[in-house]
Amino acid sequence: MFNEYNWGGYFIFTVLDIPVFVDGRTDLYDDFLKKYFRSILGAKEWKEPLDEYNISTVVVQDESALATLLREESNEWVVDCMKMIKRLFLSISP
């Protein structure tokens, strides 16, 4: 699951059977955070980390750059759940 940085710790304790992409333990990630920020900020090659880690679930804030990009990729991603501050995207491909 690709998730917002600030939500990783919460998901670790509430969604036990799904590993998070990133959480608040920055000392564990080093260069990995560059991949995270490339995707979440919608930078060049933003899809690469999602593909590299076979991400099929994305939970991000609705106004994030990544949410905007995923909405534009409607042939690959679909909104499964939309709440007030977050949006859940699921990959269409298996």
C-alpha atoms as a PDB file:
ATOM      1  CA  MET A   1       0.000   0.000   0.000  1.00  0.00           C
ATOM      2  CA  PHE A   2       1.362   3.417  -0.953  1.00  0.00           C
ATOM      3  CA  ASN A   3       0.369   5.830   1.791  1.00  0.00           C
ATOM      4  CA  GLU A   4       0.920   9.367   2.986  1.00  0.00           C
ATOM      5  CA  TYR A   5       4.038   9.685   5.146  1.00  0.00           C
ATOM      6  CA  ASN A   6       2.079  10.979   8.149  1.00  0.00           C
ATOM      7  CA  TRP A   7      -0.373   8.066   8.046  1.00  0.00           C
ATOM      8  CA  GLY A   8       2.142   5.198   7.991  1.00  0.00           C
ATOM      9  CA  GLY A   9       2.387   4.770  11.750  1.00  0.00           C
ATOM     10  CA  TYR A  10      -1.388   4.719  12.083  1.00  0.00           C
ATOM     11  CA  PHE A  11      -1.755   2.100   9.363  1.00  0.00           C
ATOM     12  CA  ILE A  12       0.958  -0.103  10.903  1.00  0.00           C
ATOM     13  CA  PHE A  13      -1.227  -0.532  13.989  1.00  0.00           C
ATOM     14  CA  THR A  14      -4.654  -0.587  12.357  1.00  0.00           C
ATOM     15  CA  VAL A  15      -4.127  -2.474   9.074  1.00  0.00           C
ATOM     16  CA  LEU A  16      -1.920  -5.285  10.301  1.00  0.00           C
ATOM     17  CA  ASP A  17      -1.974  -7.514   7.227  1.00  0.00           C
ATOM     18  CA  ILE A  18      -0.954  -4.849   4.669  1.00  0.00           C
ATOM     19  CA  PRO A  19       2.568  -3.391   4.775  1.00  0.00           C
ATOM     20  CA  VAL A  20       2.840   0.388   4.520  1.00  0.00           C
ATOM     21  CA  PHE A  21       5.098   2.106   2.004  1.00  0.00           C
ATOM     22  CA  VAL A  22       6.503   4.667   4.431  1.00  0.00           C
ATOM     23  CA  ASP A  23       6.045   5.847   8.006  1.00  0.00           C
ATOM     24  CA  GLY A  24       7.609   8.326  10.411  1.00  0.00           C
ATOM     25  CA  ARG A  25      10.786   6.331  11.042  1.00  0.00           C
ATOM     26  CA  THR A  26      12.974   8.389   8.687  1.00  0.00           C
ATOM     27  CA  ASP A  27      16.192   6.820   9.947  1.00  0.00           C
ATOM     28  CA  LEU A  28      15.187   3.549   8.243  1.00  0.00           C
ATOM     29  CA  TYR A  29      14.620   4.882   4.755  1.00  0.00           C
ATOM     30  CA  ASP A  30      17.572   6.966   3.456  1.00  0.00           C
ATOM     31  CA  ASP A  31      17.338   7.029  -0.371  1.00  0.00           C
ATOM     32  CA  PHE A  32      13.985   5.265  -0.257  1.00  0.00           C
ATOM     33  CA  LEU A  33      12.372   8.568   0.735  1.00  0.00           C
ATOM     34  CA  LYS A  34      13.461  10.036  -2.607  1.00  0.00           C
ATOM     35  CA  LYS A  35      11.289   7.449  -4.343  1.00  0.00           C
ATOM     36  CA  TYR A  36       8.400   8.254  -2.037  1.00  0.00           C
ATOM     37  CA  PHE A  37       8.646  12.000  -2.684  1.00  0.00           C
ATOM     38  CA  ARG A  38       8.994  11.459  -6.443  1.00  0.00           C
ATOM     39  CA  SER A  39       5.577   9.783  -6.439  1.00  0.00           C
ATOM     40  CA  ILE A  40       3.716  11.815  -3.823  1.00  0.00           C
ATOM     41  CA  LEU A  41       4.810  15.139  -5.361  1.00  0.00           C
ATOM     42  CA  GLY A  42       4.108  14.001  -8.920  1.00  0.00           C
ATOM     43  CA  ALA A  43       7.686  14.570 -10.056  1.00  0.00           C
ATOM     44  CA  LYS A  44       9.167  13.228 -13.269  1.00  0.00           C
ATOM     45  CA  GLU A  45       8.932   9.437 -13.378  1.00  0.00           C
ATOM     46  CA  TRP A  46       6.391   9.446 -10.529  1.00  0.00           C
ATOM     47  CA  LYS A  47       5.065   6.033 -11.592  1.00  0.00           C
ATOM     48  CA  GLU A  48       8.372   4.199 -11.234  1.00  0.00           C
ATOM     49  CA  PRO A  49       8.171   3.563  -7.464  1.00  0.00           C
ATOM     50  CA  LEU A  50       4.564   2.377  -7.793  1.00  0.00           C
ATOM     51  CA  ASP A  51       5.588  -0.066 -10.511  1.00  0.00           C
ATOM     52  CA  GLU A  52       8.834  -1.118  -8.831  1.00  0.00           C
ATOM     53  CA  TYR A  53       7.038  -2.107  -5.622  1.00  0.00           C
ATOM     54  CA  ASN A  54       3.913  -3.496  -7.346  1.00  0.00           C
ATOM     55  CA  ILE A  55       1.653  -1.013  -5.594  1.00  0.00           C
ATOM     56  CA  SER A  56      -2.030  -1.766  -6.137  1.00  0.00           C
ATOM     57  CA  THR A  57      -3.491   0.368  -3.340  1.00  0.00           C
ATOM     58  CA  VAL A  58      -2.843   4.071  -2.790  1.00  0.00           C
ATOM     59  CA  VAL A  59      -4.219   6.103   0.129  1.00  0.00           C
ATOM     60  CA  VAL A  60      -3.481   9.813  -0.244  1.00  0.00           C
ATOM     61  CA  GLN A  61      -5.018  13.185   0.433  1.00  0.00           C
ATOM     62  CA  ASP A  62      -7.482  14.175  -2.255  1.00  0.00           C
ATOM     63  CA  GLU A  63      -5.643  17.414  -3.070  1.00  0.00           C
ATOM     64  CA  SER A  64      -2.221  15.760  -3.439  1.00  0.00           C
ATOM     65  CA  ALA A  65      -0.368  15.793  -6.741  1.00  0.00           C
ATOM     66  CA  LEU A  66      -0.404  11.997  -6.788  1.00  0.00           C
ATOM     67  CA  ALA A  67      -4.198  11.878  -6.402  1.00  0.00           C
ATOM     68  CA  THR A  68      -4.531  14.229  -9.360  1.00  0.00           C
ATOM     69  CA  LEU A  69      -2.207  12.096 -11.487  1.00  0.00           C
ATOM     70  CA  LEU A  70      -3.994   8.879 -10.569  1.00  0.00           C
ATOM     71  CA  ARG A  71      -7.377  10.390 -11.461  1.00  0.00           C
ATOM     72  CA  GLU A  72      -5.918  11.221 -14.881  1.00  0.00           C
ATOM     73  CA  GLU A  73      -4.827   7.574 -15.242  1.00  0.00           C
ATOM     74  CA  SER A  74      -8.416   6.313 -15.241  1.00  0.00           C
ATOM     75  CA  ASN A  75      -7.499   3.374 -17.480  1.00  0.00           C
ATOM     76  CA  GLU A  76      -5.105   2.126 -14.761  1.00  0.00           C
ATOM     77  CA  TRP A  77      -6.541   3.389 -11.452  1.00  0.00           C
ATOM     78  CA  VAL A  78     -10.011   3.704 -10.002  1.00  0.00           C
ATOM     79  CA  VAL A  79     -11.210   5.572  -6.919  1.00  0.00           C
ATOM     80  CA  ASP A  80     -12.571   2.990  -4.511  1.00  0.00           C
ATOM     81  CA  CYS A  81     -13.365   5.163  -1.523  1.00  0.00           C
ATOM     82  CA  MET A  82     -13.428   8.891  -1.000  1.00  0.00           C
ATOM     83  CA  LYS A  83     -13.655  10.439   2.421  1.00  0.00           C
ATOM     84  CA  MET A  84     -13.165  13.999   3.535  1.00  0.00           C
ATOM     85  CA  ILE A  85      -9.361  14.153   3.554  1.00  0.00           C
ATOM     86  CA  LYS A  86      -8.207  11.011   1.795  1.00  0.00           C
ATOM     87  CA  ARG A  87      -8.768   9.053  -1.353  1.00  0.00           C
ATOM     88  CA  LEU A  88      -8.210   5.338  -1.897  1.00  0.00           C
ATOM     89  CA  PHE A  89      -7.125   4.280  -5.370  1.00  0.00           C
ATOM     90  CA  LEU A  90      -6.995   0.676  -6.563  1.00  0.00           C
ATOM     91  CA  SER A  91      -5.058  -0.548  -9.564  1.00  0.00           C
ATOM     92  CA  ILE A  92      -7.261  -1.926 -12.333  1.00  0.00           C
ATOM     93  CA  SER A  93      -4.615  -4.418 -13.445  1.00  0.00           C
ATOM     94  CA  PRO A  94      -4.120  -7.550 -11.316  1.00  0.00           C
END
